[in-house]
Amino acid sequence: MAGSVLVTGMILSAQPVGEYDRRLVLLTRELGKISAFARGVRRPTVSMSGSCQPFAFGKFTVYEGRDSYTVENAEISQFFAELRSDLNALYYGIYFCEFVEALTREGLEATKELKVLYRSLGALSKESIGKRLVRSVFELKELSVTGISPQVEECVHCRSKENLVWFHAKEGGCVCSRCGGGYGMLPVSQSTLYTMRYILATPIESLYTFTVKPEILQELSGILDSFVAIHVGRRFKSLEMLETIAE
């Protein structure tokens, strides 16, 4: 039934439409991912003009019309403004939003997905943990809560829990020494496996308090890059920009 609904969520993206409107994609606890139009917000005199930007988190009153939602009001409690003063952090943040937008669906509540995104954007501003590690933690945790978690406890072929020394992205997880060694296998150390298991088992509120050695981060990043490429299957523009900045 059409009508106004109060939702808690975050703006993932905002695109100009017409002369004064914006089309928003929001991730909400109650409705999952939704598209909504913010009418007239590109006029400087409109009260919501500064509220309808990516990363804005708060409560939104949306009107459910026949074919789309319209944002009637926004009460923003967190803008993550610090991300805009650091170009690397900004593009990592945009990537996180693009990643969640690619994984989530309309009509399915997204409490866990929203929590992971919120905590991960906050972690990008911390100096104690590198942004590449934040990205790996975010990717693995977001994949897990959306049901696409890699198998890191046993061999995907024989289900052995011993001698897990390979990772096969296409087959979805670890492979033991007896079953592995073929095309597409990536070596995985016990330290990297422990790190992945820790990330998957630990609540998001307790993550972003640790660091890993560079060689473990490199191995973890390579494994997740391969897994995401196959199981998400999308090239993200924000990652291209990050690569450009790093050159």
Protein backbone atom coordinates (compact mmCIF):
# COMPACT_ATOMS: atom_id res chain seq x y z
CA MET A 1 0.00 0.00 0.00
CA ALA A 2 1.35 3.43 -0.93
CA GLY A 3 2.18 5.83 1.90
CA SER A 4 4.98 7.40 3.95
CA VAL A 5 7.54 5.13 5.64
CA LEU A 6 10.28 6.05 8.13
CA VAL A 7 13.50 4.17 7.45
CA THR A 8 17.03 4.20 8.83
CA GLY A 9 19.68 4.08 6.18
CA MET A 10 22.58 5.51 4.22
CA ILE A 11 22.77 7.13 0.82
CA LEU A 12 24.94 4.97 -1.44
CA SER A 13 24.82 7.20 -4.52
CA ALA A 14 23.20 10.40 -5.74
CA GLN A 15 22.70 11.34 -9.39
CA PRO A 16 21.29 14.61 -10.77
CA VAL A 17 17.95 14.30 -12.55
CA GLY A 18 16.42 17.15 -14.51
CA GLU A 19 17.17 20.68 -13.36
CA TYR A 20 16.74 20.43 -9.60
CA ASP A 21 16.16 16.81 -8.55
CA ARG A 22 18.38 13.94 -7.48
CA ARG A 23 17.91 10.20 -7.79
CA LEU A 24 19.22 8.50 -4.66
CA VAL A 25 20.07 4.88 -3.92
CA LEU A 26 19.65 4.19 -0.21
CA LEU A 27 20.56 1.14 1.83
CA THR A 28 17.96 0.81 4.58
CA ARG A 29 17.47 -1.55 7.49
CA GLU A 30 13.79 -2.00 6.81
CA LEU A 31 13.49 -2.11 3.00
CA GLY A 32 16.96 -3.08 1.86
CA LYS A 33 18.20 -1.17 -1.17
CA ILE A 34 15.75 1.34 -2.61
CA SER A 35 15.80 4.06 -5.24
CA ALA A 36 14.15 7.34 -4.31
CA PHE A 37 13.78 10.78 -5.85
CA ALA A 38 14.66 13.88 -3.86
CA ARG A 39 12.63 16.62 -5.48
CA GLY A 40 14.11 20.09 -5.78
CA VAL A 41 17.12 19.40 -3.52
CA ARG A 42 19.56 20.98 -5.94
CA ARG A 43 18.02 24.36 -5.17
CA PRO A 44 20.24 26.02 -2.50
CA THR A 45 17.22 27.29 -0.59
CA VAL A 46 15.75 23.79 -0.03
CA SER A 47 16.30 22.52 3.52
CA MET A 48 17.43 19.04 2.38
CA SER A 49 19.96 20.35 -0.15
CA GLY A 50 22.96 19.34 2.00
CA SER A 51 21.45 16.08 3.22
CA CYS A 52 21.11 14.14 -0.02
CA GLN A 53 24.77 13.23 -0.54
CA PRO A 54 26.63 9.89 -0.55
CA PHE A 55 27.65 8.62 2.93
CA ALA A 56 24.80 10.53 4.64
CA PHE A 57 23.37 8.28 7.38
CA GLY A 58 20.19 8.90 9.32
CA LYS A 59 16.44 8.63 9.21
CA PHE A 60 14.54 9.21 5.98
CA THR A 61 10.84 9.64 5.48
CA VAL A 62 10.05 8.21 2.06
CA TYR A 63 6.75 8.15 0.23
CA GLU A 64 6.01 4.95 -1.65
CA GLY A 65 4.39 5.81 -4.94
CA ARG A 66 3.21 3.48 -7.64
CA ASP A 67 6.60 3.08 -9.32
CA SER A 68 9.17 4.69 -7.01
CA TYR A 69 9.89 6.32 -3.66
CA THR A 70 10.15 10.04 -2.95
CA VAL A 71 12.19 11.43 -0.06
CA GLU A 72 9.99 13.75 1.99
CA ASN A 73 12.37 14.44 4.88
CA ALA A 74 15.88 13.55 6.04
CA GLU A 75 17.37 13.74 9.55
CA ILE A 76 21.09 13.05 9.10
CA SER A 77 23.13 11.96 12.12
CA GLN A 78 26.43 11.18 10.35
CA PHE A 79 27.91 12.62 7.15
CA PHE A 80 31.40 11.01 7.32
CA ALA A 81 32.71 14.42 6.29
CA GLU A 82 36.31 13.41 7.12
CA LEU A 83 36.36 11.12 4.08
CA ARG A 84 36.09 14.12 1.76
CA SER A 85 39.37 15.61 2.97
CA ASP A 86 41.42 12.54 1.98
CA LEU A 87 41.26 11.50 -1.67
CA ASN A 88 42.22 7.89 -0.96
CA ALA A 89 39.65 7.60 1.83
CA LEU A 90 37.02 9.20 -0.41
CA TYR A 91 37.46 6.67 -3.22
CA TYR A 92 37.62 3.77 -0.79
CA GLY A 93 34.34 5.02 0.67
CA ILE A 94 32.77 5.30 -2.77
CA TYR A 95 33.96 1.77 -3.52
CA PHE A 96 32.39 0.44 -0.32
CA CYS A 97 29.06 2.00 -1.33
CA GLU A 98 29.32 0.63 -4.88
CA PHE A 99 30.18 -2.80 -3.50
CA VAL A 100 27.15 -2.88 -1.21
CA GLU A 101 24.91 -1.59 -3.98
CA ALA A 102 26.07 -4.47 -6.20
CA LEU A 103 25.42 -7.11 -3.52
CA THR A 104 22.11 -6.03 -2.02
CA ARG A 105 18.59 -6.33 -3.36
CA GLU A 106 15.37 -4.37 -3.00
CA GLY A 107 12.73 -5.58 -0.60
CA LEU A 108 15.10 -7.51 1.71
CA GLU A 109 15.97 -5.93 5.05
CA ALA A 110 19.65 -5.06 5.28
CA THR A 111 20.47 -4.50 8.96
CA LYS A 112 23.75 -6.45 8.88
CA GLU A 113 24.86 -5.04 5.54
CA LEU A 114 24.21 -1.50 6.76
CA LYS A 115 26.11 -2.08 10.01
CA VAL A 116 29.17 -3.41 8.18
CA LEU A 117 29.15 -0.44 5.81
CA TYR A 118 28.72 2.11 8.62
CA ARG A 119 31.54 0.67 10.73
CA SER A 120 33.84 0.31 7.73
CA LEU A 121 33.41 3.92 6.61
CA GLY A 122 34.28 4.99 10.15
CA ALA A 123 37.42 2.82 10.08
CA LEU A 124 38.73 4.58 6.97
CA SER A 125 39.48 7.69 9.02
CA LYS A 126 41.61 5.80 11.58
CA GLU A 127 45.38 6.06 11.36
CA SER A 128 45.96 2.86 13.33
CA ILE A 129 44.79 0.52 10.56
CA GLY A 130 45.74 0.78 6.90
CA LYS A 131 43.03 1.43 4.33
CA ARG A 132 43.95 -1.66 2.31
CA LEU A 133 43.32 -3.83 5.35
CA VAL A 134 40.05 -1.99 6.02
CA ARG A 135 39.04 -2.83 2.45
CA SER A 136 39.84 -6.52 2.89
CA VAL A 137 37.96 -6.74 6.19
CA PHE A 138 35.00 -4.90 4.67
CA GLU A 139 34.88 -7.12 1.57
CA LEU A 140 35.07 -10.38 3.49
CA LYS A 141 32.55 -9.30 6.14
CA GLU A 142 30.09 -7.90 3.57
CA LEU A 143 30.35 -11.05 1.46
CA SER A 144 29.64 -13.08 4.57
CA VAL A 145 26.50 -11.23 5.68
CA THR A 146 25.08 -11.38 2.15
CA GLY A 147 25.61 -15.15 1.97
CA ILE A 148 28.59 -15.32 -0.42
CA SER A 149 31.26 -16.22 2.12
CA PRO A 150 34.28 -18.25 0.96
CA GLN A 151 34.83 -21.65 2.57
CA VAL A 152 37.87 -21.36 4.84
CA GLU A 153 37.26 -24.21 7.30
CA GLU A 154 37.59 -27.26 5.03
CA CYS A 155 38.54 -28.38 1.54
CA VAL A 156 35.84 -27.61 -1.00
CA HIS A 157 36.51 -31.00 -2.65
CA CYS A 158 37.02 -33.67 0.03
CA ARG A 159 35.95 -31.63 3.12
CA SER A 160 39.21 -32.36 4.89
CA LYS A 161 40.17 -29.82 7.54
CA GLU A 162 43.87 -30.70 7.30
CA ASN A 163 46.63 -29.30 5.07
CA LEU A 164 44.61 -26.45 3.57
CA VAL A 165 47.34 -24.85 1.48
CA TRP A 166 45.47 -23.61 -1.61
CA PHE A 167 42.57 -21.27 -2.38
CA HIS A 168 40.45 -21.62 -5.51
CA ALA A 169 38.26 -18.57 -6.09
CA LYS A 170 36.05 -20.15 -8.74
CA GLU A 171 35.30 -23.17 -6.57
CA GLY A 172 34.61 -20.94 -3.59
CA GLY A 173 37.26 -21.66 -1.01
CA CYS A 174 40.19 -23.64 0.35
CA VAL A 175 41.66 -26.77 -1.17
CA CYS A 176 43.87 -29.27 0.64
CA SER A 177 47.31 -30.39 -0.53
CA ARG A 178 45.92 -33.71 -1.79
CA CYS A 179 43.20 -32.13 -3.97
CA GLY A 180 44.97 -28.97 -5.07
CA GLY A 181 47.83 -27.76 -7.19
CA GLY A 182 46.01 -27.25 -10.48
CA TYR A 183 45.12 -24.24 -12.60
CA GLY A 184 43.68 -21.27 -10.73
CA MET A 185 44.99 -22.32 -7.33
CA LEU A 186 46.41 -19.57 -5.12
CA PRO A 187 48.72 -20.50 -2.22
CA VAL A 188 47.30 -19.62 1.19
CA SER A 189 49.31 -19.63 4.40
CA GLN A 190 48.01 -20.69 7.79
CA SER A 191 48.41 -17.11 9.01
CA THR A 192 46.19 -15.80 6.23
CA LEU A 193 43.62 -18.54 6.87
CA TYR A 194 43.60 -17.63 10.56
CA THR A 195 43.05 -13.97 9.64
CA MET A 196 40.12 -14.81 7.37
CA ARG A 197 38.53 -17.03 10.01
CA TYR A 198 38.96 -14.31 12.62
CA ILE A 199 37.29 -11.71 10.41
CA LEU A 200 34.38 -14.01 9.63
CA ALA A 201 33.83 -15.03 13.26
CA THR A 202 34.22 -11.64 14.94
CA PRO A 203 31.35 -9.11 15.22
CA ILE A 204 31.96 -6.03 13.09
CA GLU A 205 31.93 -3.83 16.22
CA SER A 206 35.08 -5.60 17.44
CA LEU A 207 37.00 -5.54 14.17
CA TYR A 208 39.30 -2.78 12.91
CA THR A 209 41.45 -3.09 16.03
CA PHE A 210 44.23 -5.26 14.60
CA THR A 211 46.98 -5.19 12.01
CA VAL A 212 48.72 -7.90 9.98
CA LYS A 213 52.13 -8.32 8.43
CA PRO A 214 52.55 -6.97 4.89
CA GLU A 215 52.96 -10.45 3.39
CA ILE A 216 49.70 -11.62 4.97
CA LEU A 217 47.85 -8.53 3.73
CA GLN A 218 49.22 -9.07 0.23
CA GLU A 219 48.07 -12.70 0.21
CA LEU A 220 44.67 -11.83 1.71
CA SER A 221 44.14 -9.02 -0.79
CA GLY A 222 45.01 -11.24 -3.75
CA ILE A 223 42.63 -13.97 -2.60
CA LEU A 224 39.76 -11.52 -2.12
CA ASP A 225 40.46 -9.78 -5.44
CA SER A 226 40.10 -13.13 -7.22
CA PHE A 227 37.01 -14.14 -5.23
CA VAL A 228 35.23 -10.81 -5.78
CA ALA A 229 36.04 -10.80 -9.50
CA ILE A 230 34.29 -14.16 -9.92
CA HIS A 231 31.46 -14.04 -7.39
CA VAL A 232 30.54 -10.35 -7.66
CA GLY A 233 31.62 -10.05 -11.28
CA ARG A 234 31.67 -6.30 -11.60
CA ARG A 235 34.39 -3.77 -12.32
CA PHE A 236 34.13 -0.77 -10.01
CA LYS A 237 35.01 2.71 -11.30
CA SER A 238 36.19 3.78 -7.84
CA LEU A 239 38.87 1.07 -7.87
CA GLU A 240 40.11 2.34 -11.21
CA MET A 241 40.47 5.80 -9.66
CA LEU A 242 42.34 4.34 -6.67
CA GLU A 243 44.76 2.61 -9.03
CA THR A 244 45.30 5.90 -10.85
CA ILE A 245 46.07 7.71 -7.60
CA ALA A 246 48.54 4.98 -6.58
CA GLU A 247 50.53 5.27 -9.83
